[in-house]
Amino acid sequence: MKHALRIVALIALSALALQLYFLGRIALMKAIDPESTSFQRSEAWRLLVERRDVAWHQQWMPYAQISPSLKRAVIASEDSGFVEHDGVEWDALEQAWQRNEKTEARAARLNLAAEQRAQARGAAQAPSKVAARIVGGSTITQQLAKNLFLDSERTLLRKGQELAITFMLEALLSKQRILEIYLNSVEWGEGVFGAEAAAGHYFHVPAARLGVSQAAQLAVMLPAPKRFEKRPGSAYIVGRAGTIAARMPAVELP
């Protein structure tokens, strides 16, 4: 029993030390810009392994030197309640969870049916799997928490850690600082990170000079930048950008 209690105590101390580490890192971000995020380091390693080369574009821009249009577009697209909530939109999170459960169940049924048909035909090769399309209900602060410190694993433990880091960010940093770090570190394409790199890559202008239409198009790309960068002027992006542009005047900036 003593041995078991010692193990439990060590696990608890390790968990507390990890939270204090995250807290300290976030406290430093009040004054020091983060050089990289966990997601960026993971992507750099992937590019190095797959291509033996890391083509990287990123340049930090202070909040005042990022177009207000881009700030409004990103909030309108990703998190309309950004300035009001405490880091989490519980209703949106619950709806996304329910939707994902239904999507995963449907994909499992389709895959099972495909396997049964293949077996009935005596096919030697297994049919290709149908992937469940997962949607997110995360706020900008949650996305930043995940990108800064975590991986893309989808478990309850990781989600719990994401929520803990989210509340730390909201407690220690202003909304303006959270948005500044997010816009400077979020992915906008293969090796393209941050507003300045995205503005130059897609429109050949600095982030400070992005117009309403350009900002809205960049905001559309955020959920799937690697997919959308292949056709940045597609009908979907242009149409969706028009919807976001119409919402932008109502957005309150931090």
Protein backbone atom coordinates (compact mmCIF):
# COMPACT_ATOMS: atom_id res chain seq x y z
CA MET A 1 0.00 0.00 0.00
CA LYS A 2 2.82 2.40 0.86
CA HIS A 3 4.47 1.67 -2.47
CA ALA A 4 1.22 2.40 -4.32
CA LEU A 5 0.71 5.64 -2.40
CA ARG A 6 4.27 6.68 -3.23
CA ILE A 7 3.62 6.10 -6.92
CA VAL A 8 0.38 8.09 -6.76
CA ALA A 9 2.19 10.93 -4.97
CA LEU A 10 4.96 10.95 -7.61
CA ILE A 11 2.39 11.07 -10.42
CA ALA A 12 0.57 13.94 -8.69
CA LEU A 13 3.82 15.86 -8.18
CA SER A 14 4.80 15.30 -11.81
CA ALA A 15 1.41 16.57 -12.99
CA LEU A 16 1.73 19.64 -10.73
CA ALA A 17 5.26 20.31 -11.99
CA LEU A 18 4.03 20.13 -15.59
CA GLN A 19 1.27 22.65 -14.88
CA LEU A 20 3.75 24.98 -13.19
CA TYR A 21 6.00 24.67 -16.25
CA PHE A 22 3.14 25.69 -18.54
CA LEU A 23 2.22 28.51 -16.16
CA GLY A 24 5.78 29.83 -16.12
CA ARG A 25 6.08 29.69 -19.91
CA ILE A 26 2.81 31.58 -20.33
CA ALA A 27 3.84 34.20 -17.74
CA LEU A 28 7.00 34.88 -19.77
CA MET A 29 4.84 35.47 -22.85
CA LYS A 30 3.50 38.65 -21.26
CA ALA A 31 6.79 40.26 -22.30
CA ILE A 32 8.66 37.76 -24.49
CA ASP A 33 7.44 36.58 -27.90
CA PRO A 34 7.55 32.77 -28.21
CA GLU A 35 10.22 31.70 -30.70
CA SER A 36 8.29 28.61 -31.81
CA THR A 37 5.35 26.39 -30.88
CA SER A 38 5.05 22.66 -30.36
CA PHE A 39 3.11 22.39 -33.62
CA GLN A 40 5.76 24.33 -35.56
CA ARG A 41 8.57 22.14 -34.21
CA SER A 42 6.59 19.05 -35.16
CA GLU A 43 6.05 20.40 -38.68
CA ALA A 44 9.74 21.32 -39.05
CA TRP A 45 10.73 17.78 -38.10
CA ARG A 46 8.19 16.31 -40.54
CA LEU A 47 9.51 18.44 -43.40
CA LEU A 48 13.09 17.52 -42.54
CA VAL A 49 12.30 13.80 -42.51
CA GLU A 50 10.08 13.78 -45.61
CA ARG A 51 11.90 16.32 -47.81
CA ARG A 52 15.34 16.68 -46.25
CA ASP A 53 14.68 20.41 -46.34
CA VAL A 54 12.76 22.85 -44.17
CA ALA A 55 11.29 25.67 -46.26
CA TRP A 56 10.13 28.07 -43.56
CA HIS A 57 8.48 31.50 -43.72
CA GLN A 58 7.72 33.41 -40.54
CA GLN A 59 8.32 36.94 -39.28
CA TRP A 60 6.93 38.28 -36.02
CA MET A 61 4.82 41.43 -36.30
CA PRO A 62 3.62 43.49 -33.32
CA TYR A 63 -0.14 43.73 -32.86
CA ALA A 64 -0.27 47.30 -34.17
CA GLN A 65 1.42 46.25 -37.44
CA ILE A 66 -1.17 43.61 -38.32
CA SER A 67 -4.11 44.77 -40.39
CA PRO A 68 -7.31 45.32 -38.35
CA SER A 69 -9.10 43.66 -41.27
CA LEU A 70 -7.22 40.43 -40.65
CA LYS A 71 -7.97 40.55 -36.92
CA ARG A 72 -11.67 41.06 -37.62
CA ALA A 73 -11.74 38.37 -40.32
CA VAL A 74 -10.09 35.75 -38.11
CA ILE A 75 -12.40 36.49 -35.18
CA ALA A 76 -15.47 36.47 -37.45
CA SER A 77 -14.42 33.14 -38.95
CA GLU A 78 -12.91 31.29 -36.00
CA ASP A 79 -14.36 32.70 -32.78
CA SER A 80 -17.05 35.38 -32.92
CA GLY A 81 -17.31 35.57 -29.11
CA PHE A 82 -13.56 35.97 -28.59
CA VAL A 83 -13.65 39.20 -26.61
CA GLU A 84 -16.48 38.05 -24.30
CA HIS A 85 -15.80 34.42 -23.34
CA ASP A 86 -13.39 33.08 -20.72
CA GLY A 87 -11.50 30.96 -23.23
CA VAL A 88 -14.09 28.26 -23.92
CA GLU A 89 -17.42 28.32 -25.73
CA TRP A 90 -19.08 25.41 -23.95
CA ASP A 91 -22.14 25.21 -26.23
CA ALA A 92 -20.00 25.11 -29.37
CA LEU A 93 -17.73 22.49 -27.80
CA GLU A 94 -20.68 20.25 -26.93
CA GLN A 95 -22.22 20.60 -30.39
CA ALA A 96 -18.90 19.74 -32.07
CA TRP A 97 -18.47 16.72 -29.79
CA GLN A 98 -21.93 15.38 -30.68
CA ARG A 99 -21.42 16.02 -34.38
CA ASN A 100 -18.06 14.24 -34.36
CA GLU A 101 -19.51 11.21 -32.57
CA LYS A 102 -22.18 10.90 -35.27
CA THR A 103 -19.62 11.36 -38.05
CA GLU A 104 -17.28 8.73 -36.60
CA ALA A 105 -20.15 6.27 -36.12
CA ARG A 106 -21.26 6.76 -39.74
CA ALA A 107 -17.69 6.27 -41.02
CA ALA A 108 -17.40 3.06 -38.96
CA ARG A 109 -20.65 1.73 -40.45
CA LEU A 110 -19.53 2.53 -44.00
CA ASN A 111 -16.14 0.88 -43.45
CA LEU A 112 -17.74 -2.23 -41.97
CA ALA A 113 -20.18 -2.49 -44.90
CA ALA A 114 -17.31 -2.09 -47.38
CA GLU A 115 -15.30 -4.83 -45.66
CA GLN A 116 -18.28 -7.19 -45.70
CA ARG A 117 -18.85 -6.57 -49.43
CA ALA A 118 -15.16 -7.17 -50.11
CA GLN A 119 -15.23 -10.43 -48.17
CA ALA A 120 -18.37 -11.56 -50.02
CA ARG A 121 -16.61 -10.94 -53.35
CA GLY A 122 -13.47 -12.65 -52.15
CA ALA A 123 -11.38 -9.56 -52.79
CA ALA A 124 -7.70 -9.99 -51.92
CA GLN A 125 -7.15 -6.34 -51.09
CA ALA A 126 -8.94 -4.54 -48.26
CA PRO A 127 -11.12 -1.60 -49.35
CA SER A 128 -9.92 1.93 -48.64
CA LYS A 129 -11.17 3.39 -45.38
CA VAL A 130 -13.66 6.23 -45.16
CA ALA A 131 -12.20 8.89 -42.87
CA ALA A 132 -14.48 10.70 -40.45
CA ARG A 133 -14.42 14.46 -41.06
CA ILE A 134 -13.84 15.94 -37.63
CA VAL A 135 -15.06 19.46 -36.90
CA GLY A 136 -13.80 21.68 -34.11
CA GLY A 137 -15.58 23.80 -31.54
CA SER A 138 -12.38 25.36 -30.24
CA THR A 139 -11.94 29.05 -29.55
CA ILE A 140 -8.89 31.02 -30.65
CA THR A 141 -7.47 30.64 -27.13
CA GLN A 142 -7.94 26.86 -27.22
CA GLN A 143 -6.30 26.66 -30.64
CA LEU A 144 -3.36 28.68 -29.32
CA ALA A 145 -3.09 26.43 -26.23
CA LYS A 146 -2.91 23.34 -28.43
CA ASN A 147 -0.44 24.84 -30.91
CA LEU A 148 1.88 26.20 -28.22
CA PHE A 149 2.33 23.09 -26.11
CA LEU A 150 0.42 20.00 -27.27
CA ASP A 151 0.18 17.46 -30.08
CA SER A 152 -2.80 16.55 -32.26
CA GLU A 153 -3.77 13.42 -30.31
CA ARG A 154 -7.50 13.26 -29.60
CA THR A 155 -7.91 11.91 -26.06
CA LEU A 156 -9.80 13.11 -23.00
CA LEU A 157 -6.52 13.59 -21.13
CA ARG A 158 -5.09 15.82 -23.86
CA LYS A 159 -8.35 17.77 -24.09
CA GLY A 160 -8.28 18.29 -20.34
CA GLN A 161 -4.73 19.61 -20.55
CA GLU A 162 -5.77 21.90 -23.41
CA LEU A 163 -8.54 23.37 -21.25
CA ALA A 164 -6.14 23.90 -18.33
CA ILE A 165 -3.66 25.76 -20.56
CA THR A 166 -6.53 27.76 -22.08
CA PHE A 167 -7.57 29.06 -18.66
CA MET A 168 -3.93 29.90 -17.85
CA LEU A 169 -3.66 31.92 -21.06
CA GLU A 170 -6.86 33.80 -20.29
CA ALA A 171 -5.80 34.47 -16.69
CA LEU A 172 -2.28 35.71 -17.45
CA LEU A 173 -2.52 37.36 -20.86
CA SER A 174 -4.78 40.03 -22.30
CA LYS A 175 -7.10 39.23 -25.19
CA GLN A 176 -4.96 41.47 -27.37
CA ARG A 177 -1.80 39.54 -26.49
CA ILE A 178 -3.51 36.18 -27.09
CA LEU A 179 -4.64 37.33 -30.54
CA GLU A 180 -1.19 38.75 -31.31
CA ILE A 181 0.56 35.45 -30.50
CA TYR A 182 -2.07 33.47 -32.41
CA LEU A 183 -1.80 35.57 -35.56
CA ASN A 184 1.99 35.35 -35.50
CA SER A 185 2.19 31.59 -35.00
CA VAL A 186 -0.81 30.00 -36.75
CA GLU A 187 -0.21 27.90 -39.87
CA TRP A 188 -1.27 29.31 -43.26
CA GLY A 189 0.29 26.70 -45.54
CA GLU A 190 3.23 24.31 -45.83
CA GLY A 191 5.97 26.05 -43.86
CA VAL A 192 4.00 29.34 -43.84
CA PHE A 193 3.40 30.61 -40.31
CA GLY A 194 2.00 33.90 -39.11
CA ALA A 195 0.21 36.84 -40.69
CA GLU A 196 3.28 38.50 -42.21
CA ALA A 197 4.40 35.33 -44.00
CA ALA A 198 0.85 34.58 -45.20
CA ALA A 199 0.29 38.10 -46.53
CA GLY A 200 3.55 37.98 -48.47
CA HIS A 201 3.07 34.42 -49.70
CA TYR A 202 -0.46 34.83 -51.07
CA PHE A 203 -0.80 38.56 -51.82
CA HIS A 204 2.77 39.97 -51.91
CA VAL A 205 1.96 42.66 -49.34
CA PRO A 206 2.90 43.12 -45.66
CA ALA A 207 0.37 42.08 -43.03
CA ALA A 208 -0.30 45.73 -42.20
CA ARG A 209 -1.69 46.37 -45.73
CA LEU A 210 -4.10 43.46 -46.05
CA GLY A 211 -7.52 44.60 -47.30
CA VAL A 212 -10.93 43.26 -46.33
CA SER A 213 -11.18 40.73 -49.15
CA GLN A 214 -7.61 39.49 -48.73
CA ALA A 215 -8.01 39.18 -44.96
CA ALA A 216 -11.27 37.27 -45.35
CA GLN A 217 -9.67 34.81 -47.78
CA LEU A 218 -6.82 34.14 -45.35
CA ALA A 219 -9.33 33.56 -42.55
CA VAL A 220 -11.17 30.97 -44.67
CA MET A 221 -7.95 28.99 -45.04
CA LEU A 222 -7.27 28.55 -41.32
CA PRO A 223 -9.16 25.28 -40.69
CA ALA A 224 -7.26 23.45 -43.46
CA PRO A 225 -4.37 25.59 -44.77
CA LYS A 226 -2.46 22.79 -46.48
CA ARG A 227 -5.55 21.85 -48.48
CA PHE A 228 -6.64 25.36 -49.34
CA GLU A 229 -3.19 26.65 -50.32
CA LYS A 230 -3.35 24.46 -53.44
CA ARG A 231 -6.28 26.56 -54.74
CA PRO A 232 -6.26 29.85 -52.78
CA GLY A 233 -8.61 31.49 -55.30
CA SER A 234 -11.15 28.66 -55.49
CA ALA A 235 -14.87 29.37 -55.72
CA TYR A 236 -15.36 28.03 -52.19
CA ILE A 237 -12.74 30.32 -50.66
CA VAL A 238 -14.00 33.39 -52.52
CA GLY A 239 -17.63 32.64 -51.64
CA ARG A 240 -16.91 31.91 -48.00
CA ALA A 241 -14.70 35.02 -47.81
CA GLY A 242 -17.67 37.11 -48.92
CA THR A 243 -19.70 35.77 -45.99
CA ILE A 244 -16.89 36.55 -43.54
CA ALA A 245 -16.38 40.04 -44.99
CA ALA A 246 -20.07 40.78 -44.37
CA ARG A 247 -19.65 39.85 -40.69
CA MET A 248 -16.46 41.82 -40.11
CA PRO A 249 -17.98 45.27 -39.39
CA ALA A 250 -19.77 43.84 -36.36
CA VAL A 251 -16.60 42.32 -34.86
CA GLU A 252 -15.24 43.97 -31.73
CA LEU A 253 -11.46 44.01 -31.50
CA PRO A 254 -9.58 43.58 -28.21
